[in-house]
Amino acid sequence: MTLTLKYFATTLMLLVALSFAFERQAHAYVDPGSGLLIFQGISATVSAALFYFRRRIKGLFVRTQAKSHAATHPRA
């Protein structure tokens, strides 16, 4: 088992090293709006997380008042 894992790791490292050794030039173009698209995705994720956890976040900043004993048990 460990011998197979060593062979696999060695083969994987060799393939990664060879892929960097024989890299080709990329003729690619990144649109200027791509940065804005990434920013929009990140801000939407943060907004959704804040909306989802709004009660817990509100609980950190707002104290709840303890109910008084007289209010919970009325006199007979």
PDB file of N, CA and C in Angstrom:
ATOM      1  N   MET A   1       0.829  -1.194   0.000  1.00  0.00           N
ATOM      2  CA  MET A   1       0.000   0.000   0.000  1.00  0.00           C
ATOM      3  C   MET A   1       0.869   1.251   0.000  1.00  0.00           C
ATOM      4  N   THR A   2       1.825   1.335   0.893  1.00  0.00           N
ATOM      5  CA  THR A   2       2.662   2.531   0.960  1.00  0.00           C
ATOM      6  C   THR A   2       3.586   2.641  -0.238  1.00  0.00           C
ATOM      7  N   LEU A   3       4.008   1.507  -0.791  1.00  0.00           N
ATOM      8  CA  LEU A   3       4.857   1.523  -1.972  1.00  0.00           C
ATOM      9  C   LEU A   3       4.087   2.074  -3.172  1.00  0.00           C
ATOM     10  N   THR A   4       2.823   1.708  -3.301  1.00  0.00           N
ATOM     11  CA  THR A   4       1.975   2.220  -4.371  1.00  0.00           C
ATOM     12  C   THR A   4       1.768   3.720  -4.207  1.00  0.00           C
ATOM     13  N   LEU A   5       1.577   4.161  -2.989  1.00  0.00           N
ATOM     14  CA  LEU A   5       1.392   5.584  -2.727  1.00  0.00           C
ATOM     15  C   LEU A   5       2.659   6.373  -3.051  1.00  0.00           C
ATOM     16  N   LYS A   6       3.811   5.807  -2.756  1.00  0.00           N
ATOM     17  CA  LYS A   6       5.076   6.472  -3.082  1.00  0.00           C
ATOM     18  C   LYS A   6       5.257   6.590  -4.589  1.00  0.00           C
ATOM     19  N   TYR A   7       4.927   5.521  -5.320  1.00  0.00           N
ATOM     20  CA  TYR A   7       5.014   5.574  -6.780  1.00  0.00           C
ATOM     21  C   TYR A   7       4.057   6.611  -7.358  1.00  0.00           C
ATOM     22  N   PHE A   8       2.865   6.663  -6.802  1.00  0.00           N
ATOM     23  CA  PHE A   8       1.876   7.635  -7.269  1.00  0.00           C
ATOM     24  C   PHE A   8       2.351   9.059  -7.001  1.00  0.00           C
ATOM     25  N   ALA A   9       2.868   9.331  -5.814  1.00  0.00           N
ATOM     26  CA  ALA A   9       3.353  10.663  -5.467  1.00  0.00           C
ATOM     27  C   ALA A   9       4.550  11.050  -6.327  1.00  0.00           C
ATOM     28  N   THR A  10       5.446  10.112  -6.567  1.00  0.00           N
ATOM     29  CA  THR A  10       6.613  10.381  -7.407  1.00  0.00           C
ATOM     30  C   THR A  10       6.190  10.678  -8.843  1.00  0.00           C
ATOM     31  N   THR A  11       5.268   9.903  -9.361  1.00  0.00           N
ATOM     32  CA  THR A  11       4.771  10.118 -10.722  1.00  0.00           C
ATOM     33  C   THR A  11       4.071  11.463 -10.835  1.00  0.00           C
ATOM     34  N   LEU A  12       3.269  11.805  -9.841  1.00  0.00           N
ATOM     35  CA  LEU A  12       2.554  13.075  -9.858  1.00  0.00           C
ATOM     36  C   LEU A  12       3.526  14.256  -9.815  1.00  0.00           C
ATOM     37  N   MET A  13       4.544  14.182  -8.960  1.00  0.00           N
ATOM     38  CA  MET A  13       5.532  15.264  -8.888  1.00  0.00           C
ATOM     39  C   MET A  13       6.309  15.382 -10.194  1.00  0.00           C
ATOM     40  N   LEU A  14       6.612  14.265 -10.823  1.00  0.00           N
ATOM     41  CA  LEU A  14       7.320  14.280 -12.094  1.00  0.00           C
ATOM     42  C   LEU A  14       6.470  14.909 -13.191  1.00  0.00           C
ATOM     43  N   LEU A  15       5.200  14.585 -13.225  1.00  0.00           N
ATOM     44  CA  LEU A  15       4.309  15.183 -14.219  1.00  0.00           C
ATOM     45  C   LEU A  15       4.155  16.687 -14.015  1.00  0.00           C
ATOM     46  N   VAL A  16       4.051  17.124 -12.781  1.00  0.00           N
ATOM     47  CA  VAL A  16       3.951  18.560 -12.498  1.00  0.00           C
ATOM     48  C   VAL A  16       5.236  19.272 -12.905  1.00  0.00           C
ATOM     49  N   ALA A  17       6.390  18.679 -12.591  1.00  0.00           N
ATOM     50  CA  ALA A  17       7.679  19.283 -12.957  1.00  0.00           C
ATOM     51  C   ALA A  17       7.824  19.362 -14.475  1.00  0.00           C
ATOM     52  N   LEU A  18       7.420  18.314 -15.179  1.00  0.00           N
ATOM     53  CA  LEU A  18       7.506  18.328 -16.636  1.00  0.00           C
ATOM     54  C   LEU A  18       6.532  19.320 -17.263  1.00  0.00           C
ATOM     55  N   SER A  19       5.369  19.501 -16.663  1.00  0.00           N
ATOM     56  CA  SER A  19       4.414  20.468 -17.206  1.00  0.00           C
ATOM     57  C   SER A  19       4.942  21.891 -17.082  1.00  0.00           C
ATOM     58  N   PHE A  20       5.716  22.177 -16.037  1.00  0.00           N
ATOM     59  CA  PHE A  20       6.330  23.502 -15.925  1.00  0.00           C
ATOM     60  C   PHE A  20       7.539  23.639 -16.847  1.00  0.00           C
ATOM     61  N   ALA A  21       8.209  22.553 -17.130  1.00  0.00           N
ATOM     62  CA  ALA A  21       9.399  22.598 -17.986  1.00  0.00           C
ATOM     63  C   ALA A  21       9.029  22.836 -19.446  1.00  0.00           C
ATOM     64  N   PHE A  22       7.884  22.332 -19.879  1.00  0.00           N
ATOM     65  CA  PHE A  22       7.481  22.451 -21.275  1.00  0.00           C
ATOM     66  C   PHE A  22       6.260  23.346 -21.447  1.00  0.00           C
ATOM     67  N   GLU A  23       6.219  24.457 -20.745  1.00  0.00           N
ATOM     68  CA  GLU A  23       5.051  25.330 -20.859  1.00  0.00           C
ATOM     69  C   GLU A  23       5.085  26.096 -22.179  1.00  0.00           C
ATOM     70  N   ARG A  24       3.903  26.428 -22.649  1.00  0.00           N
ATOM     71  CA  ARG A  24       3.773  27.175 -23.893  1.00  0.00           C
ATOM     72  C   ARG A  24       3.266  28.575 -23.571  1.00  0.00           C
ATOM     73  N   GLN A  25       3.490  29.480 -24.498  1.00  0.00           N
ATOM     74  CA  GLN A  25       3.019  30.844 -24.314  1.00  0.00           C
ATOM     75  C   GLN A  25       1.508  30.875 -24.521  1.00  0.00           C
ATOM     76  N   ALA A  26       0.823  31.532 -23.630  1.00  0.00           N
ATOM     77  CA  ALA A  26      -0.630  31.628 -23.725  1.00  0.00           C
ATOM     78  C   ALA A  26      -1.006  32.945 -24.373  1.00  0.00           C
ATOM     79  N   HIS A  27      -1.876  32.870 -25.358  1.00  0.00           N
ATOM     80  CA  HIS A  27      -2.387  34.071 -26.016  1.00  0.00           C
ATOM     81  C   HIS A  27      -3.806  34.296 -25.500  1.00  0.00           C
ATOM     82  N   ALA A  28      -3.882  34.839 -24.314  1.00  0.00           N
ATOM     83  CA  ALA A  28      -5.171  35.009 -23.662  1.00  0.00           C
ATOM     84  C   ALA A  28      -5.402  36.486 -23.358  1.00  0.00           C
ATOM     85  N   TYR A  29      -6.656  36.836 -23.183  1.00  0.00           N
ATOM     86  CA  TYR A  29      -7.036  38.213 -22.894  1.00  0.00           C
ATOM     87  C   TYR A  29      -8.006  38.194 -21.721  1.00  0.00           C
ATOM     88  N   VAL A  30      -7.724  39.024 -20.751  1.00  0.00           N
ATOM     89  CA  VAL A  30      -8.619  39.151 -19.607  1.00  0.00           C
ATOM     90  C   VAL A  30      -9.344  40.485 -19.749  1.00  0.00           C
ATOM     91  N   ASP A  31     -10.638  40.416 -19.819  1.00  0.00           N
ATOM     92  CA  ASP A  31     -11.470  41.604 -19.989  1.00  0.00           C
ATOM     93  C   ASP A  31     -11.377  42.483 -18.746  1.00  0.00           C
ATOM     94  N   PRO A  32     -11.327  43.817 -18.895  1.00  0.00           N
ATOM     95  CA  PRO A  32     -11.274  44.691 -17.719  1.00  0.00           C
ATOM     96  C   PRO A  32     -12.485  44.527 -16.786  1.00  0.00           C
ATOM     97  N   GLY A  33     -13.602  44.089 -17.325  1.00  0.00           N
ATOM     98  CA  GLY A  33     -14.794  43.888 -16.503  1.00  0.00           C
ATOM     99  C   GLY A  33     -14.727  42.629 -15.653  1.00  0.00           C
ATOM    100  N   SER A  34     -13.726  41.787 -15.873  1.00  0.00           N
ATOM    101  CA  SER A  34     -13.607  40.545 -15.103  1.00  0.00           C
ATOM    102  C   SER A  34     -13.359  40.829 -13.624  1.00  0.00           C
ATOM    103  N   GLY A  35     -12.559  41.851 -13.341  1.00  0.00           N
ATOM    104  CA  GLY A  35     -12.312  42.219 -11.945  1.00  0.00           C
ATOM    105  C   GLY A  35     -13.580  42.654 -11.252  1.00  0.00           C
ATOM    106  N   LEU A  36     -14.415  43.403 -11.970  1.00  0.00           N
ATOM    107  CA  LEU A  36     -15.687  43.844 -11.405  1.00  0.00           C
ATOM    108  C   LEU A  36     -16.621  42.659 -11.170  1.00  0.00           C
ATOM    109  N   LEU A  37     -16.570  41.685 -12.065  1.00  0.00           N
ATOM    110  CA  LEU A  37     -17.400  40.493 -11.900  1.00  0.00           C
ATOM    111  C   LEU A  37     -16.984  39.697 -10.664  1.00  0.00           C
ATOM    112  N   ILE A  38     -15.679  39.595 -10.435  1.00  0.00           N
ATOM    113  CA  ILE A  38     -15.181  38.910  -9.233  1.00  0.00           C
ATOM    114  C   ILE A  38     -15.593  39.678  -7.988  1.00  0.00           C
ATOM    115  N   PHE A  39     -15.464  41.011  -8.016  1.00  0.00           N
ATOM    116  CA  PHE A  39     -15.867  41.835  -6.877  1.00  0.00           C
ATOM    117  C   PHE A  39     -17.362  41.686  -6.602  1.00  0.00           C
ATOM    118  N   GLN A  40     -18.173  41.635  -7.654  1.00  0.00           N
ATOM    119  CA  GLN A  40     -19.615  41.482  -7.487  1.00  0.00           C
ATOM    120  C   GLN A  40     -19.951  40.130  -6.860  1.00  0.00           C
ATOM    121  N   GLY A  41     -19.259  39.084  -7.272  1.00  0.00           N
ATOM    122  CA  GLY A  41     -19.500  37.767  -6.688  1.00  0.00           C
ATOM    123  C   GLY A  41     -19.129  37.709  -5.221  1.00  0.00           C
ATOM    124  N   ILE A  42     -17.994  38.317  -4.872  1.00  0.00           N
ATOM    125  CA  ILE A  42     -17.566  38.337  -3.470  1.00  0.00           C
ATOM    126  C   ILE A  42     -18.534  39.152  -2.615  1.00  0.00           C
ATOM    127  N   SER A  43     -18.946  40.316  -3.115  1.00  0.00           N
ATOM    128  CA  SER A  43     -19.869  41.148  -2.343  1.00  0.00           C
ATOM    129  C   SER A  43     -21.240  40.487  -2.204  1.00  0.00           C
ATOM    130  N   ALA A  44     -21.682  39.762  -3.217  1.00  0.00           N
ATOM    131  CA  ALA A  44     -22.955  39.044  -3.113  1.00  0.00           C
ATOM    132  C   ALA A  44     -22.866  37.917  -2.085  1.00  0.00           C
ATOM    133  N   THR A  45     -21.733  37.250  -2.032  1.00  0.00           N
ATOM    134  CA  THR A  45     -21.542  36.181  -1.053  1.00  0.00           C
ATOM    135  C   THR A  45     -21.542  36.728   0.371  1.00  0.00           C
ATOM    136  N   VAL A  46     -20.846  37.849   0.572  1.00  0.00           N
ATOM    137  CA  VAL A  46     -20.802  38.469   1.901  1.00  0.00           C
ATOM    138  C   VAL A  46     -22.194  38.961   2.299  1.00  0.00           C
ATOM    139  N   SER A  47     -22.912  39.583   1.367  1.00  0.00           N
ATOM    140  CA  SER A  47     -24.265  40.059   1.671  1.00  0.00           C
ATOM    141  C   SER A  47     -25.201  38.908   2.016  1.00  0.00           C
ATOM    142  N   ALA A  48     -25.100  37.814   1.279  1.00  0.00           N
ATOM    143  CA  ALA A  48     -25.950  36.659   1.564  1.00  0.00           C
ATOM    144  C   ALA A  48     -25.623  36.057   2.930  1.00  0.00           C
ATOM    145  N   ALA A  49     -24.344  36.000   3.289  1.00  0.00           N
ATOM    146  CA  ALA A  49     -23.969  35.472   4.602  1.00  0.00           C
ATOM    147  C   ALA A  49     -24.490  36.377   5.720  1.00  0.00           C
ATOM    148  N   LEU A  50     -24.381  37.691   5.537  1.00  0.00           N
ATOM    149  CA  LEU A  50     -24.910  38.619   6.547  1.00  0.00           C
ATOM    150  C   LEU A  50     -26.423  38.486   6.674  1.00  0.00           C
ATOM    151  N   PHE A  51     -27.116  38.325   5.552  1.00  0.00           N
ATOM    152  CA  PHE A  51     -28.564  38.165   5.592  1.00  0.00           C
ATOM    153  C   PHE A  51     -28.952  36.863   6.274  1.00  0.00           C
ATOM    154  N   TYR A  52     -28.208  35.806   6.001  1.00  0.00           N
ATOM    155  CA  TYR A  52     -28.516  34.495   6.579  1.00  0.00           C
ATOM    156  C   TYR A  52     -28.289  34.489   8.090  1.00  0.00           C
ATOM    157  N   PHE A  53     -27.222  35.128   8.555  1.00  0.00           N
ATOM    158  CA  PHE A  53     -26.883  35.128   9.980  1.00  0.00           C
ATOM    159  C   PHE A  53     -27.306  36.417  10.683  1.00  0.00           C
ATOM    160  N   ARG A  54     -28.301  37.116  10.177  1.00  0.00           N
ATOM    161  CA  ARG A  54     -28.670  38.426  10.729  1.00  0.00           C
ATOM    162  C   ARG A  54     -29.145  38.350  12.177  1.00  0.00           C
ATOM    163  N   ARG A  55     -29.842  37.308  12.557  1.00  0.00           N
ATOM    164  CA  ARG A  55     -30.325  37.199  13.946  1.00  0.00           C
ATOM    165  C   ARG A  55     -29.169  36.983  14.912  1.00  0.00           C
ATOM    166  N   ARG A  56     -28.213  36.176  14.511  1.00  0.00           N
ATOM    167  CA  ARG A  56     -27.058  35.936  15.383  1.00  0.00           C
ATOM    168  C   ARG A  56     -26.185  37.178  15.482  1.00  0.00           C
ATOM    169  N   ILE A  57     -26.049  37.895  14.391  1.00  0.00           N
ATOM    170  CA  ILE A  57     -25.259  39.125  14.411  1.00  0.00           C
ATOM    171  C   ILE A  57     -25.962  40.182  15.257  1.00  0.00           C
ATOM    172  N   LYS A  58     -27.270  40.274  15.128  1.00  0.00           N
ATOM    173  CA  LYS A  58     -28.038  41.226  15.930  1.00  0.00           C
ATOM    174  C   LYS A  58     -27.937  40.872  17.411  1.00  0.00           C
ATOM    175  N   GLY A  59     -27.903  39.587  17.738  1.00  0.00           N
ATOM    176  CA  GLY A  59     -27.780  39.139  19.121  1.00  0.00           C
ATOM    177  C   GLY A  59     -26.453  39.531  19.754  1.00  0.00           C
ATOM    178  N   LEU A  60     -25.437  39.747  18.939  1.00  0.00           N
ATOM    179  CA  LEU A  60     -24.154  40.184  19.483  1.00  0.00           C
ATOM    180  C   LEU A  60     -24.197  41.631  19.961  1.00  0.00           C
ATOM    181  N   PHE A  61     -25.047  42.453  19.341  1.00  0.00           N
ATOM    182  CA  PHE A  61     -25.060  43.878  19.637  1.00  0.00           C
ATOM    183  C   PHE A  61     -26.253  44.341  20.475  1.00  0.00           C
ATOM    184  N   VAL A  62     -27.300  43.545  20.545  1.00  0.00           N
ATOM    185  CA  VAL A  62     -28.508  43.942  21.272  1.00  0.00           C
ATOM    186  C   VAL A  62     -28.670  43.034  22.482  1.00  0.00           C
ATOM    187  N   ARG A  63     -28.877  43.656  23.619  1.00  0.00           N
ATOM    188  CA  ARG A  63     -29.125  42.874  24.831  1.00  0.00           C
ATOM    189  C   ARG A  63     -30.611  42.600  24.962  1.00  0.00           C
ATOM    190  N   THR A  64     -30.938  41.391  25.325  1.00  0.00           N
ATOM    191  CA  THR A  64     -32.335  41.070  25.601  1.00  0.00           C
ATOM    192  C   THR A  64     -32.561  41.239  27.090  1.00  0.00           C
ATOM    193  N   GLN A  65     -33.684  41.835  27.424  1.00  0.00           N
ATOM    194  CA  GLN A  65     -33.973  42.073  28.826  1.00  0.00           C
ATOM    195  C   GLN A  65     -34.628  40.834  29.417  1.00  0.00           C
ATOM    196  N   ALA A  66     -34.189  40.463  30.587  1.00  0.00           N
ATOM    197  CA  ALA A  66     -34.761  39.303  31.263  1.00  0.00           C
ATOM    198  C   ALA A  66     -36.173  39.620  31.717  1.00  0.00           C
ATOM    199  N   LYS A  67     -37.037  38.647  31.558  1.00  0.00           N
ATOM    200  CA  LYS A  67     -38.419  38.845  31.987  1.00  0.00           C
ATOM    201  C   LYS A  67     -38.469  38.839  33.510  1.00  0.00           C
ATOM    202  N   SER A  68     -39.258  39.734  34.057  1.00  0.00           N
ATOM    203  CA  SER A  68     -39.359  39.793  35.517  1.00  0.00           C
ATOM    204  C   SER A  68     -40.202  38.622  36.028  1.00  0.00           C
ATOM    205  N   HIS A  69     -39.977  38.257  37.257  1.00  0.00           N
ATOM    206  CA  HIS A  69     -40.676  37.126  37.861  1.00  0.00           C
ATOM    207  C   HIS A  69     -42.171  37.417  37.988  1.00  0.00           C
ATOM    208  N   ALA A  70     -42.532  38.667  38.278  1.00  0.00           N
ATOM    209  CA  ALA A  70     -43.943  39.021  38.454  1.00  0.00           C
ATOM    210  C   ALA A  70     -44.685  38.966  37.132  1.00  0.00           C
ATOM    211  N   ALA A  71     -44.010  39.267  36.035  1.00  0.00           N
ATOM    212  CA  ALA A  71     -44.674  39.265  34.738  1.00  0.00           C
ATOM    213  C   ALA A  71     -44.944  37.834  34.251  1.00  0.00           C
ATOM    214  N   THR A  72     -44.124  36.907  34.636  1.00  0.00           N
ATOM    215  CA  THR A  72     -44.311  35.538  34.169  1.00  0.00           C
ATOM    216  C   THR A  72     -45.277  34.731  35.038  1.00  0.00           C
ATOM    217  N   HIS A  73     -45.393  35.107  36.302  1.00  0.00           N
ATOM    218  CA  HIS A  73     -46.286  34.386  37.203  1.00  0.00           C
ATOM    219  C   HIS A  73     -47.294  35.394  37.802  1.00  0.00           C
ATOM    220  N   PRO A  74     -48.472  35.539  37.189  1.00  0.00           N
ATOM    221  CA  PRO A  74     -49.452  36.485  37.727  1.00  0.00           C
ATOM    222  C   PRO A  74     -50.035  35.989  39.051  1.00  0.00           C
ATOM    223  N   ARG A  75     -50.435  36.937  39.855  1.00  0.00           N
ATOM    224  CA  ARG A  75     -51.016  36.604  41.166  1.00  0.00           C
ATOM    225  C   ARG A  75     -52.420  36.055  41.015  1.00  0.00           C
ATOM    226  N   ALA A  76     -52.781  35.129  41.906  1.00  0.00           N
ATOM    227  CA  ALA A  76     -54.107  34.532  41.839  1.00  0.00           C
ATOM    228  C   ALA A  76     -55.075  35.260  42.727  1.00  0.00           C
TER     229      ALA A  76
END
